[in-house]
Structure formats: structure tokens, C-alpha cells
Amino acid sequence: MHKPELARLQQVNDRRLYANLCHQFRRLMPRDEARACARALAALIDGLWLRGALTLEGLDSDEARRLARDYLDRLLDTRDTLSPS
């Protein structure tokens, strides 16, 4: 993030991830809720990447995918229970 050309690429990547997540969530929920869910899932993805980068053994990609999917399932399950029937 300290080199302008790399910071620019990171910003592009961040925006693309957020836009793609928003687009997919938008298929299931209103825009504001989709944006909030996209921010939350993007933060989880960033956190998994960071945890993997900070540990000596690195990132277990299968475990990271499982954690992200579990979070997504809970997020959508919670949303379903909060939605009016």
C-alpha cells in the first residue's frame, strides 16, 4: 500500500470484489442490505487472507473456503428468519 502503483491495483481489486459481491447479493435482497452483506463478506475474505499471511504455515485454502461458506450460510439463514413471511 506504500507504493502508488500497487496501492492503485489494490484499490481496483477491492472495488471489483465489492461490486461482484454486491451484484450477487442484490439478486437476493434489497440494495442497502446487499451492500452491507458485501462489505461484511469482503471483510471476512480480507481477514482470512491476512490471518493466512501472518501465520507460519500460511493459509489453508480449503479451511478458508469452508469458513467463508459457513459465514455466508449463516448470513443468509439469519436474513431468512428476519424476513416477514
PDB file of N, CA and C in Angstrom:
ATOM      1  N   MET A   1       0.807  -1.205   0.000  1.00  0.00           N
ATOM      2  CA  MET A   1       0.000   0.000   0.000  1.00  0.00           C
ATOM      3  C   MET A   1       0.846   1.264   0.000  1.00  0.00           C
ATOM      4  N   HIS A   2       2.152   1.110   0.186  1.00  0.00           N
ATOM      5  CA  HIS A   2       3.027   2.278   0.237  1.00  0.00           C
ATOM      6  C   HIS A   2       3.583   2.653  -1.135  1.00  0.00           C
ATOM      7  N   LYS A   3       3.416   1.799  -2.108  1.00  0.00           N
ATOM      8  CA  LYS A   3       3.841   2.103  -3.472  1.00  0.00           C
ATOM      9  C   LYS A   3       2.592   2.456  -4.278  1.00  0.00           C
ATOM     10  N   PRO A   4       2.578   3.649  -4.859  1.00  0.00           N
ATOM     11  CA  PRO A   4       1.355   4.121  -5.546  1.00  0.00           C
ATOM     12  C   PRO A   4       0.805   3.148  -6.584  1.00  0.00           C
ATOM     13  N   GLU A   5       1.662   2.539  -7.377  1.00  0.00           N
ATOM     14  CA  GLU A   5       1.163   1.633  -8.420  1.00  0.00           C
ATOM     15  C   GLU A   5       0.533   0.369  -7.811  1.00  0.00           C
ATOM     16  N   LEU A   6       1.082  -0.112  -6.710  1.00  0.00           N
ATOM     17  CA  LEU A   6       0.498  -1.277  -6.047  1.00  0.00           C
ATOM     18  C   LEU A   6      -0.770  -0.893  -5.278  1.00  0.00           C
ATOM     19  N   ALA A   7      -0.772   0.283  -4.697  1.00  0.00           N
ATOM     20  CA  ALA A   7      -1.965   0.765  -3.990  1.00  0.00           C
ATOM     21  C   ALA A   7      -3.129   0.902  -4.976  1.00  0.00           C
ATOM     22  N   ARG A   8      -2.843   1.393  -6.157  1.00  0.00           N
ATOM     23  CA  ARG A   8      -3.883   1.544  -7.181  1.00  0.00           C
ATOM     24  C   ARG A   8      -4.452   0.180  -7.567  1.00  0.00           C
ATOM     25  N   LEU A   9      -3.578  -0.804  -7.760  1.00  0.00           N
ATOM     26  CA  LEU A   9      -4.048  -2.151  -8.093  1.00  0.00           C
ATOM     27  C   LEU A   9      -4.884  -2.745  -6.969  1.00  0.00           C
ATOM     28  N   GLN A  10      -4.483  -2.495  -5.727  1.00  0.00           N
ATOM     29  CA  GLN A  10      -5.250  -2.994  -4.592  1.00  0.00           C
ATOM     30  C   GLN A  10      -6.632  -2.352  -4.540  1.00  0.00           C
ATOM     31  N   GLN A  11      -6.703  -1.059  -4.825  1.00  0.00           N
ATOM     32  CA  GLN A  11      -7.995  -0.369  -4.837  1.00  0.00           C
ATOM     33  C   GLN A  11      -8.900  -0.922  -5.929  1.00  0.00           C
ATOM     34  N   VAL A  12      -8.316  -1.193  -7.095  1.00  0.00           N
ATOM     35  CA  VAL A  12      -9.093  -1.775  -8.194  1.00  0.00           C
ATOM     36  C   VAL A  12      -9.622  -3.145  -7.779  1.00  0.00           C
ATOM     37  N   ASN A  13      -8.758  -3.940  -7.172  1.00  0.00           N
ATOM     38  CA  ASN A  13      -9.159  -5.270  -6.721  1.00  0.00           C
ATOM     39  C   ASN A  13     -10.255  -5.183  -5.657  1.00  0.00           C
ATOM     40  N   ASP A  14     -10.100  -4.282  -4.702  1.00  0.00           N
ATOM     41  CA  ASP A  14     -11.107  -4.101  -3.651  1.00  0.00           C
ATOM     42  C   ASP A  14     -12.466  -3.705  -4.230  1.00  0.00           C
ATOM     43  N   ARG A  15     -12.451  -2.755  -5.151  1.00  0.00           N
ATOM     44  CA  ARG A  15     -13.704  -2.302  -5.766  1.00  0.00           C
ATOM     45  C   ARG A  15     -14.362  -3.416  -6.578  1.00  0.00           C
ATOM     46  N   ARG A  16     -13.552  -4.192  -7.271  1.00  0.00           N
ATOM     47  CA  ARG A  16     -14.090  -5.279  -8.089  1.00  0.00           C
ATOM     48  C   ARG A  16     -14.723  -6.354  -7.198  1.00  0.00           C
ATOM     49  N   LEU A  17     -14.046  -6.724  -6.125  1.00  0.00           N
ATOM     50  CA  LEU A  17     -14.604  -7.710  -5.202  1.00  0.00           C
ATOM     51  C   LEU A  17     -15.935  -7.208  -4.645  1.00  0.00           C
ATOM     52  N   TYR A  18     -15.950  -5.983  -4.155  1.00  0.00           N
ATOM     53  CA  TYR A  18     -17.162  -5.405  -3.583  1.00  0.00           C
ATOM     54  C   TYR A  18     -18.289  -5.362  -4.615  1.00  0.00           C
ATOM     55  N   ALA A  19     -17.983  -4.931  -5.830  1.00  0.00           N
ATOM     56  CA  ALA A  19     -19.003  -4.840  -6.880  1.00  0.00           C
ATOM     57  C   ALA A  19     -19.563  -6.217  -7.221  1.00  0.00           C
ATOM     58  N   ASN A  20     -18.699  -7.208  -7.321  1.00  0.00           N
ATOM     59  CA  ASN A  20     -19.169  -8.563  -7.634  1.00  0.00           C
ATOM     60  C   ASN A  20     -20.026  -9.133  -6.510  1.00  0.00           C
ATOM     61  N   LEU A  21     -19.597  -8.928  -5.272  1.00  0.00           N
ATOM     62  CA  LEU A  21     -20.396  -9.402  -4.144  1.00  0.00           C
ATOM     63  C   LEU A  21     -21.745  -8.684  -4.093  1.00  0.00           C
ATOM     64  N   CYS A  22     -21.736  -7.361  -4.275  1.00  0.00           N
ATOM     65  CA  CYS A  22     -22.991  -6.591  -4.291  1.00  0.00           C
ATOM     66  C   CYS A  22     -23.943  -7.118  -5.365  1.00  0.00           C
ATOM     67  N   HIS A  23     -23.406  -7.359  -6.530  1.00  0.00           N
ATOM     68  CA  HIS A  23     -24.225  -7.848  -7.638  1.00  0.00           C
ATOM     69  C   HIS A  23     -24.904  -9.166  -7.279  1.00  0.00           C
ATOM     70  N   GLN A  24     -24.156 -10.084  -6.703  1.00  0.00           N
ATOM     71  CA  GLN A  24     -24.729 -11.383  -6.344  1.00  0.00           C
ATOM     72  C   GLN A  24     -25.728 -11.262  -5.192  1.00  0.00           C
ATOM     73  N   PHE A  25     -25.392 -10.494  -4.167  1.00  0.00           N
ATOM     74  CA  PHE A  25     -26.326 -10.305  -3.058  1.00  0.00           C
ATOM     75  C   PHE A  25     -27.584  -9.587  -3.526  1.00  0.00           C
ATOM     76  N   ARG A  26     -27.451  -8.702  -4.479  1.00  0.00           N
ATOM     77  CA  ARG A  26     -28.591  -7.915  -4.971  1.00  0.00           C
ATOM     78  C   ARG A  26     -29.640  -8.814  -5.607  1.00  0.00           C
ATOM     79  N   ARG A  27     -29.225  -9.973  -6.074  1.00  0.00           N
ATOM     80  CA  ARG A  27     -30.171 -10.925  -6.641  1.00  0.00           C
ATOM     81  C   ARG A  27     -31.087 -11.505  -5.564  1.00  0.00           C
ATOM     82  N   LEU A  28     -30.680 -11.375  -4.300  1.00  0.00           N
ATOM     83  CA  LEU A  28     -31.410 -11.996  -3.195  1.00  0.00           C
ATOM     84  C   LEU A  28     -32.079 -11.008  -2.243  1.00  0.00           C
ATOM     85  N   MET A  29     -31.659  -9.744  -2.296  1.00  0.00           N
ATOM     86  CA  MET A  29     -32.105  -8.807  -1.257  1.00  0.00           C
ATOM     87  C   MET A  29     -32.069  -7.371  -1.757  1.00  0.00           C
ATOM     88  N   PRO A  30     -32.669  -6.459  -1.011  1.00  0.00           N
ATOM     89  CA  PRO A  30     -32.646  -5.036  -1.382  1.00  0.00           C
ATOM     90  C   PRO A  30     -31.213  -4.474  -1.405  1.00  0.00           C
ATOM     91  N   ARG A  31     -31.053  -3.380  -2.127  1.00  0.00           N
ATOM     92  CA  ARG A  31     -29.729  -2.796  -2.358  1.00  0.00           C
ATOM     93  C   ARG A  31     -28.957  -2.490  -1.075  1.00  0.00           C
ATOM     94  N   ASP A  32     -29.558  -1.824  -0.124  1.00  0.00           N
ATOM     95  CA  ASP A  32     -28.831  -1.460   1.099  1.00  0.00           C
ATOM     96  C   ASP A  32     -28.370  -2.695   1.865  1.00  0.00           C
ATOM     97  N   GLU A  33     -29.238  -3.689   1.924  1.00  0.00           N
ATOM     98  CA  GLU A  33     -28.869  -4.929   2.601  1.00  0.00           C
ATOM     99  C   GLU A  33     -27.763  -5.657   1.830  1.00  0.00           C
ATOM    100  N   ALA A  34     -27.850  -5.651   0.517  1.00  0.00           N
ATOM    101  CA  ALA A  34     -26.831  -6.282  -0.320  1.00  0.00           C
ATOM    102  C   ALA A  34     -25.468  -5.612  -0.114  1.00  0.00           C
ATOM    103  N   ARG A  35     -25.468  -4.293  -0.026  1.00  0.00           N
ATOM    104  CA  ARG A  35     -24.214  -3.572   0.200  1.00  0.00           C
ATOM    105  C   ARG A  35     -23.609  -3.924   1.553  1.00  0.00           C
ATOM    106  N   ALA A  36     -24.455  -4.001   2.582  1.00  0.00           N
ATOM    107  CA  ALA A  36     -23.955  -4.346   3.915  1.00  0.00           C
ATOM    108  C   ALA A  36     -23.391  -5.766   3.927  1.00  0.00           C
ATOM    109  N   CYS A  37     -24.086  -6.688   3.308  1.00  0.00           N
ATOM    110  CA  CYS A  37     -23.604  -8.071   3.252  1.00  0.00           C
ATOM    111  C   CYS A  37     -22.312  -8.167   2.446  1.00  0.00           C
ATOM    112  N   ALA A  38     -22.221  -7.410   1.376  1.00  0.00           N
ATOM    113  CA  ALA A  38     -20.997  -7.420   0.562  1.00  0.00           C
ATOM    114  C   ALA A  38     -19.813  -6.883   1.367  1.00  0.00           C
ATOM    115  N   ARG A  39     -20.033  -5.810   2.125  1.00  0.00           N
ATOM    116  CA  ARG A  39     -18.949  -5.282   2.966  1.00  0.00           C
ATOM    117  C   ARG A  39     -18.509  -6.308   3.997  1.00  0.00           C
ATOM    118  N   ALA A  40     -19.478  -6.980   4.610  1.00  0.00           N
ATOM    119  CA  ALA A  40     -19.162  -7.963   5.643  1.00  0.00           C
ATOM    120  C   ALA A  40     -18.394  -9.147   5.072  1.00  0.00           C
ATOM    121  N   LEU A  41     -18.850  -9.683   3.947  1.00  0.00           N
ATOM    122  CA  LEU A  41     -18.159 -10.834   3.362  1.00  0.00           C
ATOM    123  C   LEU A  41     -16.779 -10.434   2.842  1.00  0.00           C
ATOM    124  N   ALA A  42     -16.656  -9.247   2.267  1.00  0.00           N
ATOM    125  CA  ALA A  42     -15.344  -8.770   1.814  1.00  0.00           C
ATOM    126  C   ALA A  42     -14.388  -8.627   2.995  1.00  0.00           C
ATOM    127  N   ALA A  43     -14.891  -8.143   4.117  1.00  0.00           N
ATOM    128  CA  ALA A  43     -14.051  -8.013   5.313  1.00  0.00           C
ATOM    129  C   ALA A  43     -13.599  -9.390   5.806  1.00  0.00           C
ATOM    130  N   LEU A  44     -14.493 -10.365   5.768  1.00  0.00           N
ATOM    131  CA  LEU A  44     -14.121 -11.720   6.168  1.00  0.00           C
ATOM    132  C   LEU A  44     -13.044 -12.267   5.236  1.00  0.00           C
ATOM    133  N   ILE A  45     -13.218 -12.087   3.949  1.00  0.00           N
ATOM    134  CA  ILE A  45     -12.227 -12.556   2.975  1.00  0.00           C
ATOM    135  C   ILE A  45     -10.879 -11.892   3.244  1.00  0.00           C
ATOM    136  N   ASP A  46     -10.887 -10.578   3.464  1.00  0.00           N
ATOM    137  CA  ASP A  46      -9.631  -9.871   3.774  1.00  0.00           C
ATOM    138  C   ASP A  46      -8.999 -10.411   5.050  1.00  0.00           C
ATOM    139  N   GLY A  47      -9.831 -10.662   6.055  1.00  0.00           N
ATOM    140  CA  GLY A  47      -9.323 -11.184   7.323  1.00  0.00           C
ATOM    141  C   GLY A  47      -8.719 -12.567   7.180  1.00  0.00           C
ATOM    142  N   LEU A  48      -9.367 -13.425   6.401  1.00  0.00           N
ATOM    143  CA  LEU A  48      -8.815 -14.759   6.163  1.00  0.00           C
ATOM    144  C   LEU A  48      -7.463 -14.664   5.468  1.00  0.00           C
ATOM    145  N   TRP A  49      -7.392 -13.788   4.477  1.00  0.00           N
ATOM    146  CA  TRP A  49      -6.129 -13.606   3.758  1.00  0.00           C
ATOM    147  C   TRP A  49      -5.042 -13.100   4.715  1.00  0.00           C
ATOM    148  N   LEU A  50      -5.385 -12.122   5.530  1.00  0.00           N
ATOM    149  CA  LEU A  50      -4.418 -11.558   6.471  1.00  0.00           C
ATOM    150  C   LEU A  50      -3.960 -12.596   7.489  1.00  0.00           C
ATOM    151  N   ARG A  51      -4.905 -13.347   8.061  1.00  0.00           N
ATOM    152  CA  ARG A  51      -4.544 -14.410   9.013  1.00  0.00           C
ATOM    153  C   ARG A  51      -3.601 -15.396   8.349  1.00  0.00           C
ATOM    154  N   GLY A  52      -3.892 -15.757   7.117  1.00  0.00           N
ATOM    155  CA  GLY A  52      -3.028 -16.688   6.389  1.00  0.00           C
ATOM    156  C   GLY A  52      -1.644 -16.122   6.159  1.00  0.00           C
ATOM    157  N   ALA A  53      -1.574 -14.835   5.888  1.00  0.00           N
ATOM    158  CA  ALA A  53      -0.281 -14.193   5.638  1.00  0.00           C
ATOM    159  C   ALA A  53       0.536 -14.055   6.914  1.00  0.00           C
ATOM    160  N   LEU A  54      -0.127 -13.990   8.069  1.00  0.00           N
ATOM    161  CA  LEU A  54       0.572 -13.768   9.334  1.00  0.00           C
ATOM    162  C   LEU A  54       0.976 -15.054  10.056  1.00  0.00           C
ATOM    163  N   THR A  55       0.496 -16.185   9.587  1.00  0.00           N
ATOM    164  CA  THR A  55       0.851 -17.442  10.240  1.00  0.00           C
ATOM    165  C   THR A  55       1.981 -18.127   9.492  1.00  0.00           C
ATOM    166  N   LEU A  56       2.812 -18.826  10.224  1.00  0.00           N
ATOM    167  CA  LEU A  56       3.959 -19.506   9.610  1.00  0.00           C
ATOM    168  C   LEU A  56       3.533 -20.560   8.607  1.00  0.00           C
ATOM    169  N   GLU A  57       2.457 -21.270   8.907  1.00  0.00           N
ATOM    170  CA  GLU A  57       2.017 -22.337   8.000  1.00  0.00           C
ATOM    171  C   GLU A  57       1.243 -21.820   6.793  1.00  0.00           C
ATOM    172  N   GLY A  58       0.900 -20.551   6.794  1.00  0.00           N
ATOM    173  CA  GLY A  58       0.199 -19.960   5.664  1.00  0.00           C
ATOM    174  C   GLY A  58      -1.295 -20.226   5.703  1.00  0.00           C
ATOM    175  N   LEU A  59      -1.947 -19.982   4.612  1.00  0.00           N
ATOM    176  CA  LEU A  59      -3.395 -20.084   4.503  1.00  0.00           C
ATOM    177  C   LEU A  59      -3.788 -21.480   4.047  1.00  0.00           C
ATOM    178  N   ASP A  60      -4.653 -22.115   4.780  1.00  0.00           N
ATOM    179  CA  ASP A  60      -5.256 -23.375   4.354  1.00  0.00           C
ATOM    180  C   ASP A  60      -6.470 -22.988   3.514  1.00  0.00           C
ATOM    181  N   SER A  61      -6.335 -23.075   2.208  1.00  0.00           N
ATOM    182  CA  SER A  61      -7.395 -22.561   1.332  1.00  0.00           C
ATOM    183  C   SER A  61      -8.709 -23.329   1.487  1.00  0.00           C
ATOM    184  N   ASP A  62      -8.638 -24.632   1.751  1.00  0.00           N
ATOM    185  CA  ASP A  62      -9.878 -25.383   1.961  1.00  0.00           C
ATOM    186  C   ASP A  62     -10.594 -24.904   3.225  1.00  0.00           C
ATOM    187  N   GLU A  63      -9.835 -24.691   4.293  1.00  0.00           N
ATOM    188  CA  GLU A  63     -10.417 -24.198   5.540  1.00  0.00           C
ATOM    189  C   GLU A  63     -10.975 -22.784   5.357  1.00  0.00           C
ATOM    190  N   ALA A  64     -10.265 -21.936   4.633  1.00  0.00           N
ATOM    191  CA  ALA A  64     -10.738 -20.570   4.383  1.00  0.00           C
ATOM    192  C   ALA A  64     -12.053 -20.597   3.605  1.00  0.00           C
ATOM    193  N   ARG A  65     -12.135 -21.437   2.590  1.00  0.00           N
ATOM    194  CA  ARG A  65     -13.386 -21.550   1.829  1.00  0.00           C
ATOM    195  C   ARG A  65     -14.528 -22.049   2.715  1.00  0.00           C
ATOM    196  N   ARG A  66     -14.240 -23.026   3.570  1.00  0.00           N
ATOM    197  CA  ARG A  66     -15.266 -23.552   4.470  1.00  0.00           C
ATOM    198  C   ARG A  66     -15.774 -22.467   5.416  1.00  0.00           C
ATOM    199  N   LEU A  67     -14.837 -21.705   5.989  1.00  0.00           N
ATOM    200  CA  LEU A  67     -15.228 -20.625   6.899  1.00  0.00           C
ATOM    201  C   LEU A  67     -16.083 -19.575   6.191  1.00  0.00           C
ATOM    202  N   ALA A  68     -15.681 -19.203   4.984  1.00  0.00           N
ATOM    203  CA  ALA A  68     -16.434 -18.196   4.225  1.00  0.00           C
ATOM    204  C   ALA A  68     -17.821 -18.723   3.873  1.00  0.00           C
ATOM    205  N   ARG A  69     -17.902 -19.975   3.460  1.00  0.00           N
ATOM    206  CA  ARG A  69     -19.211 -20.549   3.124  1.00  0.00           C
ATOM    207  C   ARG A  69     -20.099 -20.671   4.356  1.00  0.00           C
ATOM    208  N   ASP A  70     -19.516 -21.087   5.468  1.00  0.00           N
ATOM    209  CA  ASP A  70     -20.299 -21.171   6.715  1.00  0.00           C
ATOM    210  C   ASP A  70     -20.846 -19.800   7.101  1.00  0.00           C
ATOM    211  N   TYR A  71     -20.005 -18.781   6.990  1.00  0.00           N
ATOM    212  CA  TYR A  71     -20.444 -17.424   7.318  1.00  0.00           C
ATOM    213  C   TYR A  71     -21.571 -16.995   6.383  1.00  0.00           C
ATOM    214  N   LEU A  72     -21.400 -17.257   5.113  1.00  0.00           N
ATOM    215  CA  LEU A  72     -22.415 -16.890   4.137  1.00  0.00           C
ATOM    216  C   LEU A  72     -23.722 -17.625   4.413  1.00  0.00           C
ATOM    217  N   ASP A  73     -23.638 -18.913   4.725  1.00  0.00           N
ATOM    218  CA  ASP A  73     -24.850 -19.665   5.062  1.00  0.00           C
ATOM    219  C   ASP A  73     -25.554 -19.061   6.269  1.00  0.00           C
ATOM    220  N   ARG A  74     -24.799 -18.723   7.293  1.00  0.00           N
ATOM    221  CA  ARG A  74     -25.396 -18.120   8.493  1.00  0.00           C
ATOM    222  C   ARG A  74     -26.004 -16.759   8.179  1.00  0.00           C
ATOM    223  N   LEU A  75     -25.293 -15.983   7.376  1.00  0.00           N
ATOM    224  CA  LEU A  75     -25.791 -14.669   6.990  1.00  0.00           C
ATOM    225  C   LEU A  75     -27.131 -14.797   6.272  1.00  0.00           C
ATOM    226  N   LEU A  76     -27.217 -15.698   5.343  1.00  0.00           N
ATOM    227  CA  LEU A  76     -28.458 -15.867   4.587  1.00  0.00           C
ATOM    228  C   LEU A  76     -29.542 -16.533   5.430  1.00  0.00           C
ATOM    229  N   ASP A  77     -29.174 -17.469   6.296  1.00  0.00           N
ATOM    230  CA  ASP A  77     -30.162 -18.082   7.192  1.00  0.00           C
ATOM    231  C   ASP A  77     -30.752 -17.048   8.145  1.00  0.00           C
ATOM    232  N   THR A  78     -29.900 -16.204   8.705  1.00  0.00           N
ATOM    233  CA  THR A  78     -30.355 -15.160   9.614  1.00  0.00           C
ATOM    234  C   THR A  78     -31.292 -14.215   8.887  1.00  0.00           C
ATOM    235  N   ARG A  79     -30.931 -13.879   7.680  1.00  0.00           N
ATOM    236  CA  ARG A  79     -31.766 -12.984   6.889  1.00  0.00           C
ATOM    237  C   ARG A  79     -33.125 -13.615   6.640  1.00  0.00           C
ATOM    238  N   ASP A  80     -33.166 -14.904   6.339  1.00  0.00           N
ATOM    239  CA  ASP A  80     -34.442 -15.588   6.088  1.00  0.00           C
ATOM    240  C   ASP A  80     -35.331 -15.597   7.321  1.00  0.00           C
ATOM    241  N   THR A  81     -34.720 -15.746   8.498  1.00  0.00           N
ATOM    242  CA  THR A  81     -35.526 -15.789   9.717  1.00  0.00           C
ATOM    243  C   THR A  81     -36.030 -14.397  10.100  1.00  0.00           C
ATOM    244  N   LEU A  82     -35.342 -13.347   9.622  1.00  0.00           N
ATOM    245  CA  LEU A  82     -35.764 -11.980   9.926  1.00  0.00           C
ATOM    246  C   LEU A  82     -36.776 -11.437   8.930  1.00  0.00           C
ATOM    247  N   SER A  83     -36.835 -12.053   7.744  1.00  0.00           N
ATOM    248  CA  SER A  83     -37.754 -11.578   6.709  1.00  0.00           C
ATOM    249  C   SER A  83     -39.190 -11.923   7.073  1.00  0.00           C
ATOM    250  N   PRO A  84     -40.116 -11.006   6.778  1.00  0.00           N
ATOM    251  CA  PRO A  84     -41.527 -11.301   7.051  1.00  0.00           C
ATOM    252  C   PRO A  84     -42.007 -12.461   6.168  1.00  0.00           C
ATOM    253  N   SER A  85     -42.848 -13.304   6.710  1.00  0.00           N
ATOM    254  CA  SER A  85     -43.358 -14.471   5.958  1.00  0.00           C
ATOM    255  C   SER A  85     -44.584 -14.104   5.162  1.00  0.00           C
TER     256      SER A  85
END
